[in-house]
C-alpha atoms as a PDB file:
ATOM      1  CA  MET A   1    -231.825  84.533 -25.939  1.00  0.00           C
ATOM      2  CA  MET A   2    -229.117  84.790 -23.389  1.00  0.00           C
ATOM      3  CA  MET A   3    -225.636  84.266 -24.787  1.00  0.00           C
ATOM      4  CA  GLU A   4    -223.381  81.648 -23.174  1.00  0.00           C
ATOM      5  CA  THR A   5    -220.632  83.162 -21.059  1.00  0.00           C
ATOM      6  CA  PRO A   6    -217.204  82.447 -22.591  1.00  0.00           C
ATOM      7  CA  PHE A   7    -215.207  79.823 -20.742  1.00  0.00           C
ATOM      8  CA  PRO A   8    -212.580  80.166 -19.423  1.00  0.00           C
ATOM      9  CA  PRO A   9    -213.207  83.826 -18.948  1.00  0.00           C
ATOM     10  CA  HIS A  10    -210.752  86.424 -20.223  1.00  0.00           C
ATOM     11  CA  VAL A  11    -208.527  87.555 -17.304  1.00  0.00           C
ATOM     12  CA  HIS A  12    -206.280  90.688 -17.408  1.00  0.00           C
ATOM     13  CA  PHE A  13    -203.338  89.856 -15.138  1.00  0.00           C
ATOM     14  CA  GLU A  14    -201.562  92.595 -13.117  1.00  0.00           C
ATOM     15  CA  LEU A  15    -200.121  90.138 -10.607  1.00  0.00           C
ATOM     16  CA  GLU A  16    -197.141  88.065 -11.708  1.00  0.00           C
ATOM     17  CA  GLY A  17    -196.455  84.554 -10.574  1.00  0.00           C
ATOM     18  CA  TRP A  18    -199.998  83.091 -10.672  1.00  0.00           C
ATOM     19  CA  LEU A  19    -201.807  80.629 -12.874  1.00  0.00           C
ATOM     20  CA  LEU A  20    -205.544  80.316 -12.638  1.00  0.00           C
ATOM     21  CA  PHE A  21    -207.056  76.888 -13.268  1.00  0.00           C
ATOM     22  CA  TRP A  22    -210.786  76.868 -14.121  1.00  0.00           C
ATOM     23  CA  ALA A  23    -213.496  74.166 -14.178  1.00  0.00           C
ATOM     24  CA  ASP A  24    -217.112  74.542 -15.261  1.00  0.00           C
ATOM     25  CA  LEU A  25    -219.089  72.200 -13.074  1.00  0.00           C
ATOM     26  CA  GLU A  26    -222.788  71.133 -13.165  1.00  0.00           C
ATOM     27  CA  LEU A  27    -224.240  69.537  -9.952  1.00  0.00           C
ATOM     28  CA  LEU A  28    -225.553  65.966 -10.332  1.00  0.00           C
ATOM     29  CA  PRO A  29    -228.680  64.828  -8.313  1.00  0.00           C
ATOM     30  CA  ALA A  30    -228.340  63.459  -4.904  1.00  0.00           C
ATOM     31  CA  ALA A  31    -224.803  64.539  -4.605  1.00  0.00           C
ATOM     32  CA  GLU A  32    -224.656  65.095  -0.785  1.00  0.00           C
ATOM     33  CA  ALA A  33    -224.402  61.472   0.072  1.00  0.00           C
ATOM     34  CA  ARG A  34    -221.351  61.012  -2.100  1.00  0.00           C
ATOM     35  CA  LEU A  35    -219.027  63.254  -0.312  1.00  0.00           C
ATOM     36  CA  GLU A  36    -218.786  62.040   3.296  1.00  0.00           C
ATOM     37  CA  SER A  37    -216.131  59.444   2.585  1.00  0.00           C
ATOM     38  CA  LEU A  38    -214.056  61.777   0.380  1.00  0.00           C
ATOM     39  CA  ARG A  39    -213.988  64.458   3.077  1.00  0.00           C
ATOM     40  CA  GLY A  40    -212.712  61.944   5.581  1.00  0.00           C
ATOM     41  CA  GLU A  41    -210.104  60.567   3.235  1.00  0.00           C
ATOM     42  CA  VAL A  42    -208.782  64.035   2.395  1.00  0.00           C
ATOM     43  CA  ALA A  43    -208.575  65.042   6.041  1.00  0.00           C
ATOM     44  CA  ALA A  44    -206.654  61.818   6.865  1.00  0.00           C
ATOM     45  CA  LYS A  45    -204.227  62.436   3.980  1.00  0.00           C
ATOM     46  CA  VAL A  46    -203.501  65.941   5.207  1.00  0.00           C
ATOM     47  CA  ARG A  47    -202.785  64.713   8.653  1.00  0.00           C
ATOM     48  CA  HIS A  48    -200.495  62.079   7.360  1.00  0.00           C
ATOM     49  CA  PHE A  49    -198.361  64.260   5.220  1.00  0.00           C
ATOM     50  CA  TYR A  50    -198.277  67.603   6.978  1.00  0.00           C
ATOM     51  CA  ARG A  51    -197.463  68.827  10.466  1.00  0.00           C
ATOM     52  CA  LEU A  52    -198.833  72.020  11.903  1.00  0.00           C
ATOM     53  CA  ALA A  53    -195.407  73.279  13.167  1.00  0.00           C
ATOM     54  CA  THR A  54    -193.807  73.029   9.690  1.00  0.00           C
ATOM     55  CA  LEU A  55    -196.742  73.820   7.483  1.00  0.00           C
ATOM     56  CA  GLY A  56    -195.308  77.033   6.320  1.00  0.00           C
ATOM     57  CA  GLU A  57    -192.223  75.185   4.968  1.00  0.00           C
ATOM     58  CA  GLN A  58    -194.240  73.032   2.650  1.00  0.00           C
ATOM     59  CA  PRO A  59    -193.275  74.279  -0.906  1.00  0.00           C
ATOM     60  CA  THR A  60    -196.724  75.133  -2.189  1.00  0.00           C
ATOM     61  CA  VAL A  61    -197.861  76.822   1.084  1.00  0.00           C
ATOM     62  CA  ALA A  62    -194.497  78.761   1.106  1.00  0.00           C
ATOM     63  CA  ALA A  63    -195.025  79.791  -2.505  1.00  0.00           C
ATOM     64  CA  VAL A  64    -198.542  81.091  -1.964  1.00  0.00           C
ATOM     65  CA  ARG A  65    -197.379  83.027   1.058  1.00  0.00           C
ATOM     66  CA  ARG A  66    -194.564  84.629  -1.001  1.00  0.00           C
ATOM     67  CA  LEU A  67    -197.067  85.721  -3.679  1.00  0.00           C
ATOM     68  CA  PHE A  68    -199.347  87.226  -1.066  1.00  0.00           C
ATOM     69  CA  ARG A  69    -196.464  89.307   0.163  1.00  0.00           C
ATOM     70  CA  GLN A  70    -195.675  90.507  -3.390  1.00  0.00           C
ATOM     71  CA  ALA A  71    -199.273  91.776  -3.610  1.00  0.00           C
ATOM     72  CA  GLY A  72    -198.905  93.638  -0.378  1.00  0.00           C
ATOM     73  CA  CYS A  73    -200.621  91.189   2.015  1.00  0.00           C
ATOM     74  CA  ASP A  74    -199.186  89.756   5.210  1.00  0.00           C
ATOM     75  CA  PRO A  75    -200.034  86.041   5.065  1.00  0.00           C
ATOM     76  CA  ALA A  76    -199.588  85.625   8.837  1.00  0.00           C
ATOM     77  CA  ARG A  77    -202.421  88.273   9.397  1.00  0.00           C
ATOM     78  CA  TYR A  78    -204.594  87.256   6.391  1.00  0.00           C
ATOM     79  CA  ARG A  79    -203.986  83.584   5.857  1.00  0.00           C
ATOM     80  CA  PRO A  80    -204.598  82.086   2.296  1.00  0.00           C
ATOM     81  CA  ALA A  81    -207.811  80.193   2.508  1.00  0.00           C
ATOM     82  CA  SER A  82    -205.993  76.953   1.749  1.00  0.00           C
ATOM     83  CA  GLU A  83    -203.499  77.388   4.598  1.00  0.00           C
ATOM     84  CA  ALA A  84    -206.368  78.261   6.961  1.00  0.00           C
ATOM     85  CA  LEU A  85    -208.153  75.073   5.827  1.00  0.00           C
ATOM     86  CA  LEU A  86    -205.090  72.891   6.331  1.00  0.00           C
ATOM     87  CA  ARG A  87    -204.479  74.290   9.723  1.00  0.00           C
ATOM     88  CA  ARG A  88    -208.002  73.515  10.843  1.00  0.00           C
ATOM     89  CA  LEU A  89    -207.609  69.924   9.650  1.00  0.00           C
ATOM     90  CA  LEU A  90    -204.280  69.538  11.444  1.00  0.00           C
ATOM     91  CA  LYS A  91    -205.888  70.708  14.613  1.00  0.00           C
ATOM     92  CA  GLY A  92    -208.290  67.918  14.407  1.00  0.00           C
ATOM     93  CA  GLU A  93    -211.383  69.564  12.752  1.00  0.00           C
ATOM     94  CA  ASP A  94    -213.373  67.892  10.034  1.00  0.00           C
ATOM     95  CA  LEU A  95    -214.084  69.152   6.526  1.00  0.00           C
ATOM     96  CA  PRO A  96    -217.548  70.553   6.947  1.00  0.00           C
ATOM     97  CA  ALA A  97    -220.503  69.612   4.848  1.00  0.00           C
ATOM     98  CA  ILE A  98    -221.675  72.854   3.288  1.00  0.00           C
ATOM     99  CA  HIS A  99    -222.777  72.219  -0.310  1.00  0.00           C
ATOM    100  CA  PRO A 100    -221.690  69.466  -2.616  1.00  0.00           C
ATOM    101  CA  LEU A 101    -219.838  71.839  -4.960  1.00  0.00           C
ATOM    102  CA  VAL A 102    -218.285  73.836  -2.064  1.00  0.00           C
ATOM    103  CA  ASP A 103    -217.233  70.564  -0.431  1.00  0.00           C
ATOM    104  CA  LEU A 104    -215.657  69.449  -3.691  1.00  0.00           C
ATOM    105  CA  GLY A 105    -213.726  72.661  -3.895  1.00  0.00           C
ATOM    106  CA  ASN A 106    -212.542  72.321  -0.287  1.00  0.00           C
ATOM    107  CA  CYS A 107    -211.313  68.772  -1.077  1.00  0.00           C
ATOM    108  CA  VAL A 108    -209.317  70.011  -4.051  1.00  0.00           C
ATOM    109  CA  SER A 109    -207.925  72.898  -2.116  1.00  0.00           C
ATOM    110  CA  ALA A 110    -206.660  70.670   0.673  1.00  0.00           C
ATOM    111  CA  GLU A 111    -205.229  68.179  -1.874  1.00  0.00           C
ATOM    112  CA  LEU A 112    -203.310  70.909  -3.811  1.00  0.00           C
ATOM    113  CA  ALA A 113    -202.622  73.273  -0.785  1.00  0.00           C
ATOM    114  CA  VAL A 114    -203.793  76.261  -2.873  1.00  0.00           C
ATOM    115  CA  PRO A 115    -206.797  78.537  -2.452  1.00  0.00           C
ATOM    116  CA  VAL A 116    -209.864  77.384  -4.474  1.00  0.00           C
ATOM    117  CA  CYS A 117    -212.942  79.529  -5.151  1.00  0.00           C
ATOM    118  CA  MET A 118    -216.347  77.993  -6.058  1.00  0.00           C
ATOM    119  CA  ALA A 119    -218.675  80.622  -7.575  1.00  0.00           C
ATOM    120  CA  ASP A 120    -222.127  80.553  -8.936  1.00  0.00           C
ATOM    121  CA  SER A 121    -221.352  80.835 -12.621  1.00  0.00           C
ATOM    122  CA  SER A 122    -224.600  82.866 -13.232  1.00  0.00           C
ATOM    123  CA  ALA A 123    -223.404  85.632 -10.994  1.00  0.00           C
ATOM    124  CA  ILE A 124    -220.071  86.169 -12.732  1.00  0.00           C
ATOM    125  CA  ASP A 125    -219.833  88.996 -15.258  1.00  0.00           C
ATOM    126  CA  PRO A 126    -216.623  88.749 -17.400  1.00  0.00           C
ATOM    127  CA  PRO A 127    -214.101  90.008 -18.326  1.00  0.00           C
ATOM    128  CA  LEU A 128    -212.092  89.736 -15.186  1.00  0.00           C
ATOM    129  CA  VAL A 129    -209.055  91.392 -13.673  1.00  0.00           C
ATOM    130  CA  TRP A 130    -206.508  89.789 -11.308  1.00  0.00           C
ATOM    131  CA  ARG A 131    -204.604  92.486  -9.354  1.00  0.00           C
ATOM    132  CA  ALA A 132    -203.846  93.743  -5.830  1.00  0.00           C
ATOM    133  CA  GLY A 133    -206.675  95.504  -4.019  1.00  0.00           C
ATOM    134  CA  ARG A 134    -206.575  99.223  -3.767  1.00  0.00           C
ATOM    135  CA  ALA A 135    -206.922 101.591  -0.901  1.00  0.00           C
ATOM    136  CA  GLY A 136    -210.606 102.013   0.035  1.00  0.00           C
ATOM    137  CA  GLU A 137    -211.793  98.851  -1.781  1.00  0.00           C
ATOM    138  CA  THR A 138    -214.082  96.557   0.332  1.00  0.00           C
ATOM    139  CA  MET A 139    -216.036  93.506  -0.474  1.00  0.00           C
ATOM    140  CA  ALA A 140    -219.181  91.934   1.154  1.00  0.00           C
ATOM    141  CA  SER A 141    -217.374  88.714   1.986  1.00  0.00           C
ATOM    142  CA  LEU A 142    -218.514  85.514   3.727  1.00  0.00           C
ATOM    143  CA  LYS A 143    -216.744  86.869   6.819  1.00  0.00           C
ATOM    144  CA  GLY A 144    -218.590  90.272   6.608  1.00  0.00           C
ATOM    145  CA  PRO A 145    -217.127  93.525   5.162  1.00  0.00           C
ATOM    146  CA  PHE A 146    -213.663  92.841   4.090  1.00  0.00           C
ATOM    147  CA  ASP A 147    -210.781  95.410   3.396  1.00  0.00           C
ATOM    148  CA  LEU A 148    -209.223  94.576   0.090  1.00  0.00           C
ATOM    149  CA  GLU A 149    -206.158  96.850   0.114  1.00  0.00           C
ATOM    150  CA  GLY A 150    -203.092  94.908  -0.797  1.00  0.00           C
ATOM    151  CA  LYS A 151    -204.922  91.558  -1.081  1.00  0.00           C
ATOM    152  CA  PRO A 152    -204.774  89.441  -4.393  1.00  0.00           C
ATOM    153  CA  LEU A 153    -208.069  90.259  -5.865  1.00  0.00           C
ATOM    154  CA  LEU A 154    -210.243  88.895  -8.731  1.00  0.00           C
ATOM    155  CA  LEU A 155    -212.756  91.305 -10.092  1.00  0.00           C
ATOM    156  CA  ASP A 156    -215.422  91.242 -12.753  1.00  0.00           C
ATOM    157  CA  ARG A 157    -217.359  94.122 -14.377  1.00  0.00           C
ATOM    158  CA  GLN A 158    -219.555  94.432 -11.290  1.00  0.00           C
ATOM    159  CA  GLY A 159    -216.556  94.767  -8.950  1.00  0.00           C
ATOM    160  CA  PRO A 160    -214.750  92.476  -6.386  1.00  0.00           C
ATOM    161  CA  LEU A 161    -215.476  88.883  -7.164  1.00  0.00           C
ATOM    162  CA  ASP A 162    -213.092  86.839  -4.920  1.00  0.00           C
ATOM    163  CA  VAL A 163    -209.966  86.983  -2.746  1.00  0.00           C
ATOM    164  CA  PRO A 164    -208.049  83.790  -2.030  1.00  0.00           C
ATOM    165  CA  ILE A 165    -208.739  84.434   1.690  1.00  0.00           C
ATOM    166  CA  THR A 166    -212.541  84.478   1.744  1.00  0.00           C
ATOM    167  CA  GLY A 167    -215.332  84.297  -0.699  1.00  0.00           C
ATOM    168  CA  SER A 168    -217.857  86.841  -1.854  1.00  0.00           C
ATOM    169  CA  GLU A 169    -221.440  86.972  -0.926  1.00  0.00           C
ATOM    170  CA  ARG A 170    -222.383  88.145  -4.453  1.00  0.00           C
ATOM    171  CA  VAL A 171    -221.278  84.974  -6.151  1.00  0.00           C
ATOM    172  CA  LYS A 172    -221.479  82.414  -3.322  1.00  0.00           C
ATOM    173  CA  VAL A 173    -222.852  78.907  -3.969  1.00  0.00           C
ATOM    174  CA  THR A 174    -226.371  78.433  -2.495  1.00  0.00           C
ATOM    175  CA  GLN A 175    -228.850  75.631  -2.392  1.00  0.00           C
ATOM    176  CA  ALA A 176    -230.282  77.004  -5.545  1.00  0.00           C
ATOM    177  CA  THR A 177    -226.939  76.731  -7.393  1.00  0.00           C
ATOM    178  CA  SER A 178    -226.739  73.871  -9.898  1.00  0.00           C
ATOM    179  CA  ARG A 179    -223.704  75.187 -11.932  1.00  0.00           C
ATOM    180  CA  ALA A 180    -220.505  76.743 -10.699  1.00  0.00           C
ATOM    181  CA  TRP A 181    -217.098  77.742 -11.712  1.00  0.00           C
ATOM    182  CA  LEU A 182    -214.104  76.402  -9.783  1.00  0.00           C
ATOM    183  CA  VAL A 183    -210.937  78.591  -9.911  1.00  0.00           C
ATOM    184  CA  ALA A 184    -207.767  77.291  -8.257  1.00  0.00           C
ATOM    185  CA  TYR A 185    -204.968  79.865  -7.655  1.00  0.00           C
ATOM    186  CA  LEU A 186    -201.736  78.109  -8.591  1.00  0.00           C
ATOM    187  CA  PRO A 187    -198.222  79.417  -8.002  1.00  0.00           C
ATOM    188  CA  THR A 188    -196.356  79.123 -11.213  1.00  0.00           C
ATOM    189  CA  GLY A 189    -193.289  77.019 -11.102  1.00  0.00           C
ATOM    190  CA  VAL A 190    -194.613  75.031  -8.251  1.00  0.00           C
ATOM    191  CA  LEU A 191    -197.961  73.669  -9.519  1.00  0.00           C
ATOM    192  CA  ASP A 192    -199.121  73.342 -12.963  1.00  0.00           C
ATOM    193  CA  ALA A 193    -202.596  72.984 -14.539  1.00  0.00           C
ATOM    194  CA  GLY A 194    -202.216  69.287 -15.087  1.00  0.00           C
ATOM    195  CA  ARG A 195    -201.734  68.697 -11.398  1.00  0.00           C
ATOM    196  CA  ALA A 196    -204.984  70.681 -10.741  1.00  0.00           C
ATOM    197  CA  GLN A 197    -206.827  68.761 -13.433  1.00  0.00           C
ATOM    198  CA  ASP A 198    -205.722  65.497 -11.915  1.00  0.00           C
ATOM    199  CA  ALA A 199    -206.814  66.522  -8.365  1.00  0.00           C
ATOM    200  CA  LEU A 200    -210.213  67.584  -9.548  1.00  0.00           C
ATOM    201  CA  GLU A 201    -210.743  64.399 -11.675  1.00  0.00           C
ATOM    202  CA  ALA A 202    -209.597  62.170  -8.779  1.00  0.00           C
ATOM    203  CA  ALA A 203    -212.020  63.933  -6.377  1.00  0.00           C
ATOM    204  CA  ILE A 204    -214.895  63.531  -8.792  1.00  0.00           C
ATOM    205  CA  ALA A 205    -214.048  59.963  -9.509  1.00  0.00           C
ATOM    206  CA  ALA A 206    -214.101  59.243  -5.696  1.00  0.00           C
ATOM    207  CA  ALA A 207    -217.342  61.309  -5.208  1.00  0.00           C
ATOM    208  CA  PRO A 208    -219.203  61.801  -8.566  1.00  0.00           C
ATOM    209  CA  VAL A 209    -221.120  64.971  -7.452  1.00  0.00           C
ATOM    210  CA  ALA A 210    -220.698  67.020 -10.645  1.00  0.00           C
ATOM    211  CA  THR A 211    -220.149  66.786 -14.337  1.00  0.00           C
ATOM    212  CA  VAL A 212    -217.106  68.676 -15.641  1.00  0.00           C
ATOM    213  CA  ARG A 213    -218.426  70.788 -18.673  1.00  0.00           C
ATOM    214  CA  GLY A 214    -215.036  72.178 -19.405  1.00  0.00           C
ATOM    215  CA  THR A 215    -211.653  73.164 -17.979  1.00  0.00           C
ATOM    216  CA  GLY A 216    -209.206  75.979 -18.826  1.00  0.00           C
ATOM    217  CA  VAL A 217    -206.222  78.020 -17.760  1.00  0.00           C
ATOM    218  CA  THR A 218    -205.514  81.636 -17.650  1.00  0.00           C
ATOM    219  CA  PRO A 219    -203.290  83.001 -18.851  1.00  0.00           C
ATOM    220  CA  PRO A 220    -203.561  80.366 -21.710  1.00  0.00           C
ATOM    221  CA  SER A 221    -200.004  80.914 -22.808  1.00  0.00           C
ATOM    222  CA  ALA A 222    -198.576  79.717 -19.429  1.00  0.00           C
END
């Protein structure tokens, strides 16, 4: 009998200044139809509160950029996924319909202005490590082969799992995925886990596409 994977997973931290918020989500039936309104509301909210010319000055965006630099990554060249998402919305693009769980993660990311990963939980092999990528490390990402050197990097026992720039092909959510883990990359001192919890609960209340089986934070002492 297969053992249940511990949740939240143990994470060894080598990068300071980050707090990881986790949620274990199970997809509900007929979820696709419930997200259209939420995607529109989130996009409208972003356009109301943010301006493209001053986006980098927004406190959370600036804090994530600073943590990227500390890891060795130029955020102007490799934009955090959340900033790239906000910029697309501010340029008039819509939040795309990809998969109910992915769409939910994108809504939470835009709400919090932090990168959010949504990964098929069956493909994750804890324990995990959160560190800067090393020379020669690469990942088969959703954008193709991706150089990980100097990038904030989440790994499991099988290797690179996610960078808060682009997702991994190995753990991506597919049409066969019914259960996934959300991880939100929070800059400490700017956003706390309670804010992430509230954003997730509000999104699911507006578009009940998933059941929250559990939430957690790593490191737990933060």
